[in-house]
PDB file of N, CA and C in Angstrom:
ATOM      1  N   MET A   1      34.547 -48.266   7.711  1.00  0.00           N
ATOM      2  CA  MET A   1      35.298 -47.136   7.199  1.00  0.00           C
ATOM      3  C   MET A   1      34.419 -46.247   6.317  1.00  0.00           C
ATOM      4  N   LYS A   2      33.639 -46.910   5.426  1.00  0.00           N
ATOM      5  CA  LYS A   2      32.744 -46.155   4.551  1.00  0.00           C
ATOM      6  C   LYS A   2      31.687 -45.418   5.368  1.00  0.00           C
ATOM      7  N   LEU A   3      31.219 -46.059   6.418  1.00  0.00           N
ATOM      8  CA  LEU A   3      30.177 -45.466   7.248  1.00  0.00           C
ATOM      9  C   LEU A   3      30.689 -44.189   7.930  1.00  0.00           C
ATOM     10  N   LYS A   4      31.922 -44.213   8.425  1.00  0.00           N
ATOM     11  CA  LYS A   4      32.513 -43.027   9.046  1.00  0.00           C
ATOM     12  C   LYS A   4      32.653 -41.894   8.035  1.00  0.00           C
ATOM     13  N   LEU A   5      33.030 -42.223   6.802  1.00  0.00           N
ATOM     14  CA  LEU A   5      33.169 -41.211   5.751  1.00  0.00           C
ATOM     15  C   LEU A   5      31.823 -40.582   5.410  1.00  0.00           C
ATOM     16  N   ILE A   6      30.796 -41.408   5.317  1.00  0.00           N
ATOM     17  CA  ILE A   6      29.452 -40.900   4.994  1.00  0.00           C
ATOM     18  C   ILE A   6      28.936 -40.015   6.129  1.00  0.00           C
ATOM     19  N   ILE A   7      29.119 -40.460   7.374  1.00  0.00           N
ATOM     20  CA  ILE A   7      28.655 -39.669   8.521  1.00  0.00           C
ATOM     21  C   ILE A   7      29.421 -38.351   8.595  1.00  0.00           C
ATOM     22  N   SER A   8      30.725 -38.368   8.334  1.00  0.00           N
ATOM     23  CA  SER A   8      31.516 -37.137   8.328  1.00  0.00           C
ATOM     24  C   SER A   8      31.049 -36.178   7.246  1.00  0.00           C
ATOM     25  N   ALA A   9      30.737 -36.712   6.058  1.00  0.00           N
ATOM     26  CA  ALA A   9      30.258 -35.869   4.960  1.00  0.00           C
ATOM     27  C   ALA A   9      28.917 -35.245   5.299  1.00  0.00           C
ATOM     28  N   ILE A  10      28.017 -36.030   5.887  1.00  0.00           N
ATOM     29  CA  ILE A  10      26.708 -35.499   6.280  1.00  0.00           C
ATOM     30  C   ILE A  10      26.883 -34.418   7.349  1.00  0.00           C
ATOM     31  N   GLY A  11      27.772 -34.662   8.309  1.00  0.00           N
ATOM     32  CA  GLY A  11      28.036 -33.674   9.355  1.00  0.00           C
ATOM     33  C   GLY A  11      28.602 -32.383   8.786  1.00  0.00           C
ATOM     34  N   ALA A  12      29.524 -32.505   7.818  1.00  0.00           N
ATOM     35  CA  ALA A  12      30.105 -31.312   7.205  1.00  0.00           C
ATOM     36  C   ALA A  12      29.059 -30.510   6.451  1.00  0.00           C
ATOM     37  N   PHE A  13      28.203 -31.200   5.684  1.00  0.00           N
ATOM     38  CA  PHE A  13      27.146 -30.487   4.956  1.00  0.00           C
ATOM     39  C   PHE A  13      26.139 -29.866   5.923  1.00  0.00           C
ATOM     40  N   GLY A  14      25.845 -30.559   7.017  1.00  0.00           N
ATOM     41  CA  GLY A  14      24.927 -30.026   8.024  1.00  0.00           C
ATOM     42  C   GLY A  14      25.486 -28.765   8.662  1.00  0.00           C
ATOM     43  N   LEU A  15      26.769 -28.805   8.993  1.00  0.00           N
ATOM     44  CA  LEU A  15      27.417 -27.626   9.584  1.00  0.00           C
ATOM     45  C   LEU A  15      27.421 -26.458   8.600  1.00  0.00           C
ATOM     46  N   LEU A  16      27.704 -26.732   7.353  1.00  0.00           N
ATOM     47  CA  LEU A  16      27.685 -25.700   6.324  1.00  0.00           C
ATOM     48  C   LEU A  16      26.292 -25.114   6.167  1.00  0.00           C
ATOM     49  N   PHE A  17      25.286 -25.967   6.200  1.00  0.00           N
ATOM     50  CA  PHE A  17      23.900 -25.524   6.060  1.00  0.00           C
ATOM     51  C   PHE A  17      23.500 -24.626   7.230  1.00  0.00           C
ATOM     52  N   LEU A  18      23.897 -24.980   8.440  1.00  0.00           N
ATOM     53  CA  LEU A  18      23.516 -24.207   9.622  1.00  0.00           C
ATOM     54  C   LEU A  18      24.247 -22.879   9.726  1.00  0.00           C
ATOM     55  N   THR A  19      25.426 -22.771   9.165  1.00  0.00           N
ATOM     56  CA  THR A  19      26.186 -21.526   9.270  1.00  0.00           C
ATOM     57  C   THR A  19      26.000 -20.609   8.072  1.00  0.00           C
ATOM     58  N   ASN A  20      25.219 -21.025   7.110  1.00  0.00           N
ATOM     59  CA  ASN A  20      24.983 -20.201   5.921  1.00  0.00           C
ATOM     60  C   ASN A  20      24.166 -18.980   6.326  1.00  0.00           C
ATOM     61  N   THR A  21      24.625 -17.781   5.963  1.00  0.00           N
ATOM     62  CA  THR A  21      23.954 -16.537   6.358  1.00  0.00           C
ATOM     63  C   THR A  21      23.068 -15.968   5.253  1.00  0.00           C
ATOM     64  N   SER A  22      22.784 -16.742   4.233  1.00  0.00           N
ATOM     65  CA  SER A  22      21.985 -16.206   3.129  1.00  0.00           C
ATOM     66  C   SER A  22      20.550 -15.909   3.553  1.00  0.00           C
ATOM     67  N   CYS A  23      20.107 -16.428   4.666  1.00  0.00           N
ATOM     68  CA  CYS A  23      18.748 -16.177   5.136  1.00  0.00           C
ATOM     69  C   CYS A  23      18.617 -14.807   5.796  1.00  0.00           C
ATOM     70  N   GLN A  24      19.726 -14.204   6.172  1.00  0.00           N
ATOM     71  CA  GLN A  24      19.675 -12.910   6.827  1.00  0.00           C
ATOM     72  C   GLN A  24      19.504 -11.813   5.787  1.00  0.00           C
ATOM     73  N   LYS A  25      18.459 -11.022   5.974  1.00  0.00           N
ATOM     74  CA  LYS A  25      18.181  -9.933   5.046  1.00  0.00           C
ATOM     75  C   LYS A  25      19.062  -8.725   5.347  1.00  0.00           C
ATOM     76  N   LYS A  26      19.374  -8.001   4.302  1.00  0.00           N
ATOM     77  CA  LYS A  26      20.011  -6.703   4.477  1.00  0.00           C
ATOM     78  C   LYS A  26      18.880  -5.695   4.580  1.00  0.00           C
ATOM     79  N   THR A  27      18.713  -5.110   5.739  1.00  0.00           N
ATOM     80  CA  THR A  27      17.557  -4.244   5.973  1.00  0.00           C
ATOM     81  C   THR A  27      17.885  -2.759   5.927  1.00  0.00           C
ATOM     82  N   ASP A  28      19.152  -2.399   5.753  1.00  0.00           N
ATOM     83  CA  ASP A  28      19.500  -0.979   5.705  1.00  0.00           C
ATOM     84  C   ASP A  28      18.786  -0.280   4.554  1.00  0.00           C
ATOM     85  N   CYS A  29      18.322   0.912   4.826  1.00  0.00           N
ATOM     86  CA  CYS A  29      17.673   1.747   3.819  1.00  0.00           C
ATOM     87  C   CYS A  29      18.659   2.866   3.473  1.00  0.00           C
ATOM     88  N   ILE A  30      19.015   2.953   2.209  1.00  0.00           N
ATOM     89  CA  ILE A  30      20.023   3.922   1.794  1.00  0.00           C
ATOM     90  C   ILE A  30      19.389   4.967   0.881  1.00  0.00           C
ATOM     91  N   ALA A  31      19.641   6.223   1.182  1.00  0.00           N
ATOM     92  CA  ALA A  31      19.168   7.347   0.371  1.00  0.00           C
ATOM     93  C   ALA A  31      20.379   8.044  -0.233  1.00  0.00           C
ATOM     94  N   VAL A  32      20.386   8.179  -1.546  1.00  0.00           N
ATOM     95  CA  VAL A  32      21.432   8.928  -2.226  1.00  0.00           C
ATOM     96  C   VAL A  32      20.763  10.123  -2.881  1.00  0.00           C
ATOM     97  N   VAL A  33      21.112  11.321  -2.420  1.00  0.00           N
ATOM     98  CA  VAL A  33      20.511  12.550  -2.951  1.00  0.00           C
ATOM     99  C   VAL A  33      21.530  13.212  -3.877  1.00  0.00           C
ATOM    100  N   HIS A  34      21.107  13.450  -5.121  1.00  0.00           N
ATOM    101  CA  HIS A  34      21.937  14.109  -6.125  1.00  0.00           C
ATOM    102  C   HIS A  34      21.432  15.544  -6.280  1.00  0.00           C
ATOM    103  N   CYS A  35      22.291  16.511  -6.104  1.00  0.00           N
ATOM    104  CA  CYS A  35      21.923  17.916  -6.255  1.00  0.00           C
ATOM    105  C   CYS A  35      22.530  18.446  -7.550  1.00  0.00           C
ATOM    106  N   VAL A  36      21.671  19.018  -8.398  1.00  0.00           N
ATOM    107  CA  VAL A  36      22.113  19.555  -9.683  1.00  0.00           C
ATOM    108  C   VAL A  36      21.560  20.965  -9.849  1.00  0.00           C
ATOM    109  N   ASP A  37      22.187  21.725 -10.777  1.00  0.00           N
ATOM    110  CA  ASP A  37      21.656  23.053 -11.097  1.00  0.00           C
ATOM    111  C   ASP A  37      20.628  22.895 -12.211  1.00  0.00           C
ATOM    112  N   THR A  38      20.102  24.005 -12.701  1.00  0.00           N
ATOM    113  CA  THR A  38      19.046  23.950 -13.719  1.00  0.00           C
ATOM    114  C   THR A  38      19.531  23.368 -15.049  1.00  0.00           C
ATOM    115  N   LEU A  39      20.854  23.319 -15.257  1.00  0.00           N
ATOM    116  CA  LEU A  39      21.408  22.721 -16.473  1.00  0.00           C
ATOM    117  C   LEU A  39      21.731  21.242 -16.287  1.00  0.00           C
ATOM    118  N   GLY A  40      21.532  20.720 -15.067  1.00  0.00           N
ATOM    119  CA  GLY A  40      21.810  19.322 -14.790  1.00  0.00           C
ATOM    120  C   GLY A  40      23.228  19.032 -14.330  1.00  0.00           C
ATOM    121  N   SER A  41      24.014  20.078 -14.085  1.00  0.00           N
ATOM    122  CA  SER A  41      25.393  19.900 -13.609  1.00  0.00           C
ATOM    123  C   SER A  41      25.397  19.682 -12.100  1.00  0.00           C
ATOM    124  N   PRO A  42      26.235  18.783 -11.598  1.00  0.00           N
ATOM    125  CA  PRO A  42      26.303  18.533 -10.152  1.00  0.00           C
ATOM    126  C   PRO A  42      26.717  19.780  -9.380  1.00  0.00           C
ATOM    127  N   LYS A  43      26.104  19.979  -8.208  1.00  0.00           N
ATOM    128  CA  LYS A  43      26.416  21.132  -7.359  1.00  0.00           C
ATOM    129  C   LYS A  43      27.017  20.648  -6.045  1.00  0.00           C
ATOM    130  N   GLY A  44      28.260  21.020  -5.798  1.00  0.00           N
ATOM    131  CA  GLY A  44      28.920  20.712  -4.539  1.00  0.00           C
ATOM    132  C   GLY A  44      28.630  21.771  -3.502  1.00  0.00           C
ATOM    133  N   GLY A  45      28.806  21.435  -2.233  1.00  0.00           N
ATOM    134  CA  GLY A  45      28.614  22.395  -1.151  1.00  0.00           C
ATOM    135  C   GLY A  45      27.172  22.651  -0.781  1.00  0.00           C
ATOM    136  N   VAL A  46      26.267  21.782  -1.223  1.00  0.00           N
ATOM    137  CA  VAL A  46      24.838  21.956  -0.905  1.00  0.00           C
ATOM    138  C   VAL A  46      24.560  21.307   0.448  1.00  0.00           C
ATOM    139  N   ASP A  47      23.876  22.034   1.325  1.00  0.00           N
ATOM    140  CA  ASP A  47      23.473  21.515   2.632  1.00  0.00           C
ATOM    141  C   ASP A  47      22.173  20.731   2.439  1.00  0.00           C
ATOM    142  N   VAL A  48      22.240  19.410   2.608  1.00  0.00           N
ATOM    143  CA  VAL A  48      21.076  18.541   2.407  1.00  0.00           C
ATOM    144  C   VAL A  48      20.605  18.039   3.761  1.00  0.00           C
ATOM    145  N   ARG A  49      19.324  18.252   4.045  1.00  0.00           N
ATOM    146  CA  ARG A  49      18.737  17.807   5.316  1.00  0.00           C
ATOM    147  C   ARG A  49      17.573  16.866   5.024  1.00  0.00           C
ATOM    148  N   LEU A  50      17.565  15.721   5.708  1.00  0.00           N
ATOM    149  CA  LEU A  50      16.450  14.787   5.657  1.00  0.00           C
ATOM    150  C   LEU A  50      15.783  14.800   7.021  1.00  0.00           C
ATOM    151  N   PHE A  51      14.461  14.908   7.032  1.00  0.00           N
ATOM    152  CA  PHE A  51      13.729  14.945   8.285  1.00  0.00           C
ATOM    153  C   PHE A  51      12.310  14.467   8.045  1.00  0.00           C
ATOM    154  N   ALA A  52      11.638  14.086   9.129  1.00  0.00           N
ATOM    155  CA  ALA A  52      10.259  13.626   9.041  1.00  0.00           C
ATOM    156  C   ALA A  52       9.384  14.495   9.929  1.00  0.00           C
ATOM    157  N   ASN A  53       8.344  15.054   9.348  1.00  0.00           N
ATOM    158  CA  ASN A  53       7.365  15.807  10.123  1.00  0.00           C
ATOM    159  C   ASN A  53       6.236  14.863  10.512  1.00  0.00           C
ATOM    160  N   VAL A  54       5.858  14.878  11.763  1.00  0.00           N
ATOM    161  CA  VAL A  54       4.769  14.024  12.241  1.00  0.00           C
ATOM    162  C   VAL A  54       3.716  14.891  12.910  1.00  0.00           C
ATOM    163  N   LYS A  55       2.473  14.422  12.816  1.00  0.00           N
ATOM    164  CA  LYS A  55       1.367  15.158  13.437  1.00  0.00           C
ATOM    165  C   LYS A  55       1.217  14.737  14.889  1.00  0.00           C
ATOM    166  N   THR A  56       0.909  15.715  15.722  1.00  0.00           N
ATOM    167  CA  THR A  56       0.695  15.440  17.143  1.00  0.00           C
ATOM    168  C   THR A  56      -0.785  15.176  17.385  1.00  0.00           C
ATOM    169  N   THR A  57      -1.100  14.719  18.566  1.00  0.00           N
ATOM    170  CA  THR A  57      -2.495  14.440  18.911  1.00  0.00           C
ATOM    171  C   THR A  57      -3.331  15.716  18.980  1.00  0.00           C
ATOM    172  N   THR A  58      -2.669  16.859  19.166  1.00  0.00           N
ATOM    173  CA  THR A  58      -3.395  18.128  19.237  1.00  0.00           C
ATOM    174  C   THR A  58      -3.592  18.761  17.864  1.00  0.00           C
ATOM    175  N   GLY A  59      -3.102  18.089  16.810  1.00  0.00           N
ATOM    176  CA  GLY A  59      -3.282  18.613  15.461  1.00  0.00           C
ATOM    177  C   GLY A  59      -2.106  19.400  14.933  1.00  0.00           C
ATOM    178  N   GLY A  60      -1.092  19.595  15.754  1.00  0.00           N
ATOM    179  CA  GLY A  60       0.100  20.315  15.319  1.00  0.00           C
ATOM    180  C   GLY A  60       1.066  19.396  14.586  1.00  0.00           C
ATOM    181  N   THR A  61       2.177  19.950  14.151  1.00  0.00           N
ATOM    182  CA  THR A  61       3.205  19.189  13.462  1.00  0.00           C
ATOM    183  C   THR A  61       4.553  19.462  14.117  1.00  0.00           C
ATOM    184  N   VAL A  62       5.314  18.387  14.340  1.00  0.00           N
ATOM    185  CA  VAL A  62       6.662  18.515  14.900  1.00  0.00           C
ATOM    186  C   VAL A  62       7.622  17.700  14.053  1.00  0.00           C
ATOM    187  N   THR A  63       8.894  18.050  14.122  1.00  0.00           N
ATOM    188  CA  THR A  63       9.920  17.290  13.428  1.00  0.00           C
ATOM    189  C   THR A  63      10.332  16.120  14.309  1.00  0.00           C
ATOM    190  N   ALA A  64      10.289  14.913  13.746  1.00  0.00           N
ATOM    191  CA  ALA A  64      10.638  13.709  14.497  1.00  0.00           C
ATOM    192  C   ALA A  64      12.137  13.673  14.792  1.00  0.00           C
ATOM    193  N   ASP A  65      12.513  12.784  15.692  1.00  0.00           N
ATOM    194  CA  ASP A  65      13.921  12.636  16.051  1.00  0.00           C
ATOM    195  C   ASP A  65      14.755  12.072  14.914  1.00  0.00           C
ATOM    196  N   LEU A  66      14.124  11.358  13.991  1.00  0.00           N
ATOM    197  CA  LEU A  66      14.851  10.793  12.854  1.00  0.00           C
ATOM    198  C   LEU A  66      15.148  11.884  11.849  1.00  0.00           C
ATOM    199  N   LYS A  67      16.391  12.320  11.836  1.00  0.00           N
ATOM    200  CA  LYS A  67      16.800  13.337  10.879  1.00  0.00           C
ATOM    201  C   LYS A  67      18.294  13.201  10.635  1.00  0.00           C
ATOM    202  N   ALA A  68      18.733  13.739   9.512  1.00  0.00           N
ATOM    203  CA  ALA A  68      20.155  13.685   9.164  1.00  0.00           C
ATOM    204  C   ALA A  68      20.467  14.844   8.240  1.00  0.00           C
ATOM    205  N   ASN A  69      21.728  15.254   8.230  1.00  0.00           N
ATOM    206  CA  ASN A  69      22.142  16.285   7.290  1.00  0.00           C
ATOM    207  C   ASN A  69      23.601  16.065   6.908  1.00  0.00           C
ATOM    208  N   ALA A  70      23.946  16.539   5.718  1.00  0.00           N
ATOM    209  CA  ALA A  70      25.319  16.439   5.209  1.00  0.00           C
ATOM    210  C   ALA A  70      25.481  17.454   4.087  1.00  0.00           C
ATOM    211  N   ILE A  71      26.723  17.674   3.696  1.00  0.00           N
ATOM    212  CA  ILE A  71      27.070  18.603   2.614  1.00  0.00           C
ATOM    213  C   ILE A  71      27.517  17.773   1.415  1.00  0.00           C
ATOM    214  N   THR A  72      26.995  18.109   0.230  1.00  0.00           N
ATOM    215  CA  THR A  72      27.372  17.370  -0.969  1.00  0.00           C
ATOM    216  C   THR A  72      28.838  17.606  -1.315  1.00  0.00           C
ATOM    217  N   GLY A  73      29.446  16.574  -1.907  1.00  0.00           N
ATOM    218  CA  GLY A  73      30.817  16.700  -2.393  1.00  0.00           C
ATOM    219  C   GLY A  73      30.818  17.347  -3.769  1.00  0.00           C
ATOM    220  N   SER A  74      31.966  17.356  -4.405  1.00  0.00           N
ATOM    221  CA  SER A  74      32.072  17.976  -5.728  1.00  0.00           C
ATOM    222  C   SER A  74      31.249  17.233  -6.781  1.00  0.00           C
ATOM    223  N   ASP A  75      30.894  15.973  -6.483  1.00  0.00           N
ATOM    224  CA  ASP A  75      30.054  15.199  -7.409  1.00  0.00           C
ATOM    225  C   ASP A  75      28.572  15.513  -7.237  1.00  0.00           C
ATOM    226  N   GLY A  76      28.241  16.375  -6.275  1.00  0.00           N
ATOM    227  CA  GLY A  76      26.858  16.802  -6.079  1.00  0.00           C
ATOM    228  C   GLY A  76      25.990  15.794  -5.362  1.00  0.00           C
ATOM    229  N   GLN A  77      26.573  14.804  -4.722  1.00  0.00           N
ATOM    230  CA  GLN A  77      25.728  13.822  -4.053  1.00  0.00           C
ATOM    231  C   GLN A  77      26.123  13.606  -2.602  1.00  0.00           C
ATOM    232  N   VAL A  78      25.162  13.091  -1.852  1.00  0.00           N
ATOM    233  CA  VAL A  78      25.345  12.753  -0.455  1.00  0.00           C
ATOM    234  C   VAL A  78      24.553  11.469  -0.193  1.00  0.00           C
ATOM    235  N   LYS A  79      25.074  10.650   0.721  1.00  0.00           N
ATOM    236  CA  LYS A  79      24.476   9.342   0.995  1.00  0.00           C
ATOM    237  C   LYS A  79      24.118   9.236   2.472  1.00  0.00           C
ATOM    238  N   PHE A  80      22.902   8.750   2.746  1.00  0.00           N
ATOM    239  CA  PHE A  80      22.430   8.543   4.109  1.00  0.00           C
ATOM    240  C   PHE A  80      22.021   7.080   4.267  1.00  0.00           C
ATOM    241  N   THR A  81      22.274   6.500   5.436  1.00  0.00           N
ATOM    242  CA  THR A  81      21.860   5.126   5.720  1.00  0.00           C
ATOM    243  C   THR A  81      21.004   5.122   6.976  1.00  0.00           C
ATOM    244  N   PHE A  82      19.829   4.500   6.873  1.00  0.00           N
ATOM    245  CA  PHE A  82      18.906   4.367   8.002  1.00  0.00           C
ATOM    246  C   PHE A  82      18.590   2.892   8.208  1.00  0.00           C
ATOM    247  N   LYS A  83      18.223   2.532   9.401  1.00  0.00           N
ATOM    248  CA  LYS A  83      17.920   1.138   9.726  1.00  0.00           C
ATOM    249  C   LYS A  83      16.510   0.727   9.323  1.00  0.00           C
ATOM    250  N   LEU A  84      15.582   1.679   9.275  1.00  0.00           N
ATOM    251  CA  LEU A  84      14.183   1.356   8.987  1.00  0.00           C
ATOM    252  C   LEU A  84      13.654   2.195   7.834  1.00  0.00           C
ATOM    253  N   PRO A  85      12.695   1.649   7.081  1.00  0.00           N
ATOM    254  CA  PRO A  85      12.094   2.422   5.997  1.00  0.00           C
ATOM    255  C   PRO A  85      11.257   3.579   6.545  1.00  0.00           C
ATOM    256  N   ALA A  86      11.177   4.642   5.770  1.00  0.00           N
ATOM    257  CA  ALA A  86      10.402   5.822   6.171  1.00  0.00           C
ATOM    258  C   ALA A  86      10.267   6.754   4.970  1.00  0.00           C
ATOM    259  N   ILE A  87       9.422   7.740   5.113  1.00  0.00           N
ATOM    260  CA  ILE A  87       9.293   8.795   4.118  1.00  0.00           C
ATOM    261  C   ILE A  87       9.886  10.058   4.743  1.00  0.00           C
ATOM    262  N   TYR A  88      10.862  10.637   4.058  1.00  0.00           N
ATOM    263  CA  TYR A  88      11.556  11.816   4.568  1.00  0.00           C
ATOM    264  C   TYR A  88      11.325  13.015   3.668  1.00  0.00           C
ATOM    265  N   ASP A  89      11.256  14.183   4.301  1.00  0.00           N
ATOM    266  CA  ASP A  89      11.289  15.438   3.565  1.00  0.00           C
ATOM    267  C   ASP A  89      12.751  15.754   3.302  1.00  0.00           C
ATOM    268  N   ILE A  90      13.015  16.362   2.151  1.00  0.00           N
ATOM    269  CA  ILE A  90      14.372  16.789   1.800  1.00  0.00           C
ATOM    270  C   ILE A  90      14.364  18.303   1.688  1.00  0.00           C
ATOM    271  N   LYS A  91      15.346  18.934   2.301  1.00  0.00           N
ATOM    272  CA  LYS A  91      15.547  20.370   2.125  1.00  0.00           C
ATOM    273  C   LYS A  91      17.002  20.554   1.723  1.00  0.00           C
ATOM    274  N   ALA A  92      17.222  21.061   0.516  1.00  0.00           N
ATOM    275  CA  ALA A  92      18.574  21.288   0.004  1.00  0.00           C
ATOM    276  C   ALA A  92      18.781  22.784  -0.158  1.00  0.00           C
ATOM    277  N   SER A  93      19.861  23.304   0.457  1.00  0.00           N
ATOM    278  CA  SER A  93      20.121  24.745   0.438  1.00  0.00           C
ATOM    279  C   SER A  93      21.540  25.042  -0.013  1.00  0.00           C
ATOM    280  N   LEU A  94      21.651  26.066  -0.845  1.00  0.00           N
ATOM    281  CA  LEU A  94      22.952  26.569  -1.279  1.00  0.00           C
ATOM    282  C   LEU A  94      22.826  28.083  -1.361  1.00  0.00           C
ATOM    283  N   GLY A  95      23.412  28.756  -0.369  1.00  0.00           N
ATOM    284  CA  GLY A  95      23.277  30.221  -0.321  1.00  0.00           C
ATOM    285  C   GLY A  95      21.816  30.597  -0.117  1.00  0.00           C
ATOM    286  N   THR A  96      21.285  31.418  -1.028  1.00  0.00           N
ATOM    287  CA  THR A  96      19.888  31.846  -0.918  1.00  0.00           C
ATOM    288  C   THR A  96      18.936  30.911  -1.660  1.00  0.00           C
ATOM    289  N   PHE A  97      19.471  29.885  -2.312  1.00  0.00           N
ATOM    290  CA  PHE A  97      18.643  28.948  -3.072  1.00  0.00           C
ATOM    291  C   PHE A  97      18.278  27.748  -2.203  1.00  0.00           C
ATOM    292  N   THR A  98      16.985  27.419  -2.193  1.00  0.00           N
ATOM    293  CA  THR A  98      16.501  26.288  -1.401  1.00  0.00           C
ATOM    294  C   THR A  98      15.498  25.496  -2.223  1.00  0.00           C
ATOM    295  N   THR A  99      15.597  24.166  -2.124  1.00  0.00           N
ATOM    296  CA  THR A  99      14.685  23.272  -2.816  1.00  0.00           C
ATOM    297  C   THR A  99      14.150  22.257  -1.813  1.00  0.00           C
ATOM    298  N   ALA A 100      12.884  21.921  -1.951  1.00  0.00           N
ATOM    299  CA  ALA A 100      12.264  20.924  -1.080  1.00  0.00           C
ATOM    300  C   ALA A 100      11.736  19.775  -1.926  1.00  0.00           C
ATOM    301  N   SER A 101      11.788  18.571  -1.356  1.00  0.00           N
ATOM    302  CA  SER A 101      11.301  17.379  -2.038  1.00  0.00           C
ATOM    303  C   SER A 101      11.037  16.311  -0.977  1.00  0.00           C
ATOM    304  N   ILE A 102      10.678  15.101  -1.412  1.00  0.00           N
ATOM    305  CA  ILE A 102      10.506  13.981  -0.485  1.00  0.00           C
ATOM    306  C   ILE A 102      11.194  12.748  -1.062  1.00  0.00           C
ATOM    307  N   ILE A 103      11.497  11.791  -0.188  1.00  0.00           N
ATOM    308  CA  ILE A 103      12.093  10.530  -0.612  1.00  0.00           C
ATOM    309  C   ILE A 103      11.493   9.421   0.247  1.00  0.00           C
ATOM    310  N   LYS A 104      11.131   8.325  -0.388  1.00  0.00           N
ATOM    311  CA  LYS A 104      10.557   7.171   0.315  1.00  0.00           C
ATOM    312  C   LYS A 104      11.598   6.058   0.334  1.00  0.00           C
ATOM    313  N   LEU A 105      12.068   5.709   1.525  1.00  0.00           N
ATOM    314  CA  LEU A 105      13.074   4.664   1.671  1.00  0.00           C
ATOM    315  C   LEU A 105      12.396   3.313   1.859  1.00  0.00           C
ATOM    316  N   GLU A 106      12.964   2.294   1.211  1.00  0.00           N
ATOM    317  CA  GLU A 106      12.430   0.945   1.293  1.00  0.00           C
ATOM    318  C   GLU A 106      13.463   0.018   1.901  1.00  0.00           C
ATOM    319  N   GLU A 107      12.984  -0.988   2.601  1.00  0.00           N
ATOM    320  CA  GLU A 107      13.855  -1.916   3.314  1.00  0.00           C
ATOM    321  C   GLU A 107      14.804  -2.645   2.366  1.00  0.00           C
ATOM    322  N   GLY A 108      16.089  -2.551   2.664  1.00  0.00           N
ATOM    323  CA  GLY A 108      17.099  -3.266   1.903  1.00  0.00           C
ATOM    324  C   GLY A 108      17.407  -2.691   0.533  1.00  0.00           C
ATOM    325  N   LYS A 109      16.937  -1.474   0.255  1.00  0.00           N
ATOM    326  CA  LYS A 109      17.133  -0.887  -1.072  1.00  0.00           C
ATOM    327  C   LYS A 109      17.873   0.443  -0.981  1.00  0.00           C
ATOM    328  N   THR A 110      18.499   0.792  -2.102  1.00  0.00           N
ATOM    329  CA  THR A 110      19.123   2.108  -2.264  1.00  0.00           C
ATOM    330  C   THR A 110      18.217   2.936  -3.151  1.00  0.00           C
ATOM    331  N   ILE A 111      17.782   4.074  -2.665  1.00  0.00           N
ATOM    332  CA  ILE A 111      16.893   4.960  -3.424  1.00  0.00           C
ATOM    333  C   ILE A 111      17.661   6.211  -3.814  1.00  0.00           C
ATOM    334  N   ASP A 112      17.674   6.505  -5.103  1.00  0.00           N
ATOM    335  CA  ASP A 112      18.319   7.719  -5.619  1.00  0.00           C
ATOM    336  C   ASP A 112      17.262   8.787  -5.850  1.00  0.00           C
ATOM    337  N   LYS A 113      17.578   9.995  -5.462  1.00  0.00           N
ATOM    338  CA  LYS A 113      16.681  11.131  -5.663  1.00  0.00           C
ATOM    339  C   LYS A 113      17.508  12.312  -6.171  1.00  0.00           C
ATOM    340  N   THR A 114      17.067  12.919  -7.257  1.00  0.00           N
ATOM    341  CA  THR A 114      17.743  14.101  -7.793  1.00  0.00           C
ATOM    342  C   THR A 114      16.903  15.325  -7.495  1.00  0.00           C
ATOM    343  N   VAL A 115      17.546  16.343  -6.921  1.00  0.00           N
ATOM    344  CA  VAL A 115      16.882  17.606  -6.651  1.00  0.00           C
ATOM    345  C   VAL A 115      17.615  18.712  -7.398  1.00  0.00           C
ATOM    346  N   THR A 116      16.837  19.648  -7.937  1.00  0.00           N
ATOM    347  CA  THR A 116      17.404  20.760  -8.696  1.00  0.00           C
ATOM    348  C   THR A 116      17.437  21.992  -7.815  1.00  0.00           C
ATOM    349  N   ILE A 117      18.632  22.563  -7.665  1.00  0.00           N
ATOM    350  CA  ILE A 117      18.812  23.775  -6.872  1.00  0.00           C
ATOM    351  C   ILE A 117      18.488  24.976  -7.754  1.00  0.00           C
ATOM    352  N   ARG A 118      17.491  25.751  -7.327  1.00  0.00           N
ATOM    353  CA  ARG A 118      17.041  26.916  -8.110  1.00  0.00           C
ATOM    354  C   ARG A 118      17.127  28.159  -7.282  1.00  0.00           C
TER     355      ARG A 118
END
C-alpha cells in the first residue's frame, strides 16, 4: 500500500514537472511610444510610424516590410508588439509638426520611448 502511494506521488510530481511552462520565454518585443509637446503634456491624435530602413546591395536604401503605424490616444501613447527584436525609426506627425527618432526593441522586454512634437 505504501509503495503504491509513493509511486503515485512520484508520478504526480513528474507530471507536474513535465507540464510546467516556466521554461518557455516570452519573446514578444513591445514598444510604447509617448508623444508630448514642448511642455511635456501628452499629445493625442499623433500619427506614429515605426519602420526599418535597410541598405540594398547596390548601395541604396529601402524601407523593410516590418513596419507599423497607429494614432495616439488622449494619453499621448501608442503600443506596438513585434515578435523579434529590431531597431526601428520613429516618425511622429501632427499636422505640420514632425519628429523623428529611433527605438531599439529587445527580446521579451517593453521599451518606452518619449518623443517631443515640435
